[in-house]
Amino acid sequence: MRNYSGLLVAVGLVGFLYCSAELSKLEPVPPGLSMGRAFEYPAGKMEMGRYASAALAFFGILMIMVRR
């Protein structure tokens, strides 16, 4: 289980760094759009990928802490 948790942390960190690097190359999402409309823009998809990757890494860290 600890190996799986470490894998979650690693994938989450790599995903976060990748999405952050790609996000800096894209035009920002116009302000005031709903969440559904923000997904129509590549920057909106990368932003959500960044949040999902951070959540994945956080979940992996929690699993490591619980299993000790």
N, C-alpha and C. Protein backbone atom coordinates (compact mmCIF):
# COMPACT_ATOMS: atom_id res chain seq x y z
N MET A 1 0.81 -1.19 0.00
CA MET A 1 0.00 0.00 0.00
C MET A 1 0.86 1.26 0.00
N ARG A 2 2.00 1.19 0.66
CA ARG A 2 2.88 2.35 0.71
C ARG A 2 3.45 2.67 -0.67
N ASN A 3 3.73 1.62 -1.46
CA ASN A 3 4.22 1.86 -2.82
C ASN A 3 3.17 2.56 -3.66
N TYR A 4 1.92 2.14 -3.51
CA TYR A 4 0.82 2.77 -4.23
C TYR A 4 0.67 4.23 -3.81
N SER A 5 0.82 4.52 -2.55
CA SER A 5 0.73 5.89 -2.06
C SER A 5 1.86 6.75 -2.62
N GLY A 6 3.05 6.19 -2.64
CA GLY A 6 4.19 6.91 -3.21
C GLY A 6 4.00 7.17 -4.68
N LEU A 7 3.40 6.22 -5.38
CA LEU A 7 3.11 6.41 -6.80
C LEU A 7 2.10 7.54 -7.00
N LEU A 8 1.08 7.60 -6.15
CA LEU A 8 0.10 8.69 -6.23
C LEU A 8 0.75 10.05 -6.02
N VAL A 9 1.65 10.13 -5.06
CA VAL A 9 2.34 11.39 -4.81
C VAL A 9 3.20 11.77 -6.01
N ALA A 10 3.93 10.81 -6.54
CA ALA A 10 4.81 11.10 -7.68
C ALA A 10 4.02 11.53 -8.91
N VAL A 11 2.95 10.80 -9.22
CA VAL A 11 2.13 11.15 -10.38
C VAL A 11 1.46 12.51 -10.18
N GLY A 12 1.01 12.78 -8.97
CA GLY A 12 0.40 14.07 -8.68
C GLY A 12 1.37 15.23 -8.83
N LEU A 13 2.59 15.06 -8.35
CA LEU A 13 3.58 16.13 -8.48
C LEU A 13 4.00 16.36 -9.92
N VAL A 14 4.22 15.28 -10.64
CA VAL A 14 4.60 15.41 -12.06
C VAL A 14 3.47 16.05 -12.86
N GLY A 15 2.24 15.61 -12.59
CA GLY A 15 1.09 16.19 -13.28
C GLY A 15 0.92 17.67 -12.96
N PHE A 16 1.12 18.04 -11.71
CA PHE A 16 1.02 19.44 -11.31
C PHE A 16 2.07 20.29 -12.02
N LEU A 17 3.29 19.81 -12.04
CA LEU A 17 4.36 20.56 -12.70
C LEU A 17 4.14 20.67 -14.21
N TYR A 18 3.66 19.58 -14.82
CA TYR A 18 3.38 19.60 -16.26
C TYR A 18 2.27 20.60 -16.58
N CYS A 19 1.18 20.54 -15.84
CA CYS A 19 0.07 21.46 -16.10
C CYS A 19 0.46 22.91 -15.84
N SER A 20 1.29 23.14 -14.84
CA SER A 20 1.75 24.50 -14.57
C SER A 20 2.61 25.03 -15.70
N ALA A 21 3.47 24.18 -16.24
CA ALA A 21 4.33 24.61 -17.35
C ALA A 21 3.50 24.88 -18.60
N GLU A 22 2.53 24.03 -18.88
CA GLU A 22 1.68 24.24 -20.05
C GLU A 22 0.77 25.44 -19.87
N LEU A 23 0.32 25.69 -18.66
CA LEU A 23 -0.57 26.80 -18.38
C LEU A 23 0.11 28.14 -18.63
N SER A 24 1.41 28.20 -18.38
CA SER A 24 2.13 29.45 -18.59
C SER A 24 2.26 29.79 -20.07
N LYS A 25 2.08 28.81 -20.96
CA LYS A 25 2.18 29.04 -22.40
C LYS A 25 0.85 29.46 -23.02
N LEU A 26 -0.25 29.27 -22.32
CA LEU A 26 -1.58 29.50 -22.88
C LEU A 26 -2.13 30.86 -22.47
N GLU A 27 -3.10 31.34 -23.25
CA GLU A 27 -3.80 32.57 -22.90
C GLU A 27 -4.73 32.30 -21.73
N PRO A 28 -4.85 33.23 -20.80
CA PRO A 28 -5.72 32.99 -19.64
C PRO A 28 -7.19 32.94 -20.03
N VAL A 29 -7.98 32.31 -19.19
CA VAL A 29 -9.43 32.24 -19.39
C VAL A 29 -10.01 33.60 -19.06
N PRO A 30 -10.92 34.11 -19.90
CA PRO A 30 -11.54 35.39 -19.57
C PRO A 30 -12.27 35.35 -18.22
N PRO A 31 -12.19 36.41 -17.44
CA PRO A 31 -12.83 36.40 -16.12
C PRO A 31 -14.35 36.41 -16.23
N GLY A 32 -15.00 35.86 -15.24
CA GLY A 32 -16.45 35.89 -15.15
C GLY A 32 -17.15 34.73 -15.83
N LEU A 33 -16.41 33.74 -16.31
CA LEU A 33 -17.05 32.59 -16.95
C LEU A 33 -17.42 31.54 -15.92
N SER A 34 -18.46 30.79 -16.23
CA SER A 34 -18.82 29.68 -15.36
C SER A 34 -17.82 28.55 -15.54
N MET A 35 -17.87 27.57 -14.64
CA MET A 35 -16.93 26.46 -14.69
C MET A 35 -17.09 25.66 -15.98
N GLY A 36 -18.32 25.46 -16.41
CA GLY A 36 -18.57 24.71 -17.64
C GLY A 36 -18.03 25.40 -18.88
N ARG A 37 -18.16 26.70 -18.91
CA ARG A 37 -17.65 27.45 -20.06
C ARG A 37 -16.13 27.57 -20.03
N ALA A 38 -15.53 27.51 -18.86
CA ALA A 38 -14.07 27.60 -18.76
C ALA A 38 -13.39 26.39 -19.38
N PHE A 39 -14.09 25.24 -19.41
CA PHE A 39 -13.52 24.03 -20.01
C PHE A 39 -13.43 24.13 -21.53
N GLU A 40 -14.06 25.12 -22.13
CA GLU A 40 -13.97 25.31 -23.57
C GLU A 40 -12.60 25.86 -23.97
N TYR A 41 -11.87 26.38 -23.02
CA TYR A 41 -10.55 26.95 -23.28
C TYR A 41 -9.47 25.98 -22.82
N PRO A 42 -8.36 25.88 -23.55
CA PRO A 42 -7.27 24.99 -23.12
C PRO A 42 -6.72 25.35 -21.74
N ALA A 43 -6.69 26.64 -21.43
CA ALA A 43 -6.18 27.07 -20.13
C ALA A 43 -7.08 26.59 -19.00
N GLY A 44 -8.38 26.53 -19.24
CA GLY A 44 -9.31 26.03 -18.24
C GLY A 44 -9.10 24.55 -17.96
N LYS A 45 -8.81 23.79 -19.02
CA LYS A 45 -8.55 22.36 -18.85
C LYS A 45 -7.25 22.14 -18.09
N MET A 46 -6.23 22.92 -18.38
CA MET A 46 -4.95 22.78 -17.67
C MET A 46 -5.08 23.20 -16.22
N GLU A 47 -5.87 24.21 -15.96
CA GLU A 47 -6.09 24.64 -14.57
C GLU A 47 -6.77 23.54 -13.75
N MET A 48 -7.77 22.90 -14.35
CA MET A 48 -8.45 21.81 -13.65
C MET A 48 -7.52 20.62 -13.48
N GLY A 49 -6.67 20.35 -14.47
CA GLY A 49 -5.69 19.29 -14.35
C GLY A 49 -4.70 19.56 -13.23
N ARG A 50 -4.36 20.81 -13.07
CA ARG A 50 -3.45 21.20 -11.98
C ARG A 50 -4.09 20.95 -10.61
N TYR A 51 -5.37 21.33 -10.48
CA TYR A 51 -6.07 21.09 -9.22
C TYR A 51 -6.23 19.59 -8.94
N ALA A 52 -6.55 18.83 -9.97
CA ALA A 52 -6.73 17.39 -9.80
C ALA A 52 -5.41 16.72 -9.42
N SER A 53 -4.31 17.16 -10.02
CA SER A 53 -3.00 16.60 -9.69
C SER A 53 -2.60 16.93 -8.26
N ALA A 54 -2.88 18.14 -7.84
CA ALA A 54 -2.57 18.52 -6.46
C ALA A 54 -3.40 17.70 -5.47
N ALA A 55 -4.67 17.47 -5.80
CA ALA A 55 -5.52 16.65 -4.94
C ALA A 55 -5.02 15.21 -4.89
N LEU A 56 -4.56 14.69 -6.01
CA LEU A 56 -4.03 13.34 -6.06
C LEU A 56 -2.79 13.20 -5.19
N ALA A 57 -1.88 14.17 -5.29
CA ALA A 57 -0.68 14.14 -4.46
C ALA A 57 -1.04 14.27 -2.98
N PHE A 58 -1.98 15.11 -2.65
CA PHE A 58 -2.41 15.27 -1.26
C PHE A 58 -3.02 13.99 -0.73
N PHE A 59 -3.83 13.33 -1.53
CA PHE A 59 -4.43 12.06 -1.12
C PHE A 59 -3.35 11.01 -0.88
N GLY A 60 -2.33 10.98 -1.74
CA GLY A 60 -1.22 10.05 -1.55
C GLY A 60 -0.47 10.32 -0.25
N ILE A 61 -0.27 11.57 0.07
CA ILE A 61 0.41 11.94 1.32
C ILE A 61 -0.44 11.51 2.52
N LEU A 62 -1.75 11.72 2.43
CA LEU A 62 -2.63 11.27 3.52
C LEU A 62 -2.56 9.76 3.70
N MET A 63 -2.53 9.03 2.60
CA MET A 63 -2.46 7.58 2.70
C MET A 63 -1.14 7.12 3.33
N ILE A 64 -0.05 7.81 3.02
CA ILE A 64 1.24 7.48 3.62
C ILE A 64 1.19 7.73 5.13
N MET A 65 0.58 8.85 5.53
CA MET A 65 0.53 9.18 6.94
C MET A 65 -0.35 8.21 7.73
N VAL A 66 -1.42 7.75 7.14
CA VAL A 66 -2.34 6.85 7.83
C VAL A 66 -1.73 5.46 7.98
N ARG A 67 -0.98 5.01 7.00
CA ARG A 67 -0.44 3.66 7.00
C ARG A 67 0.76 3.50 7.93
N ARG A 68 1.34 4.54 8.43
CA ARG A 68 2.52 4.42 9.29
C ARG A 68 2.15 4.07 10.65
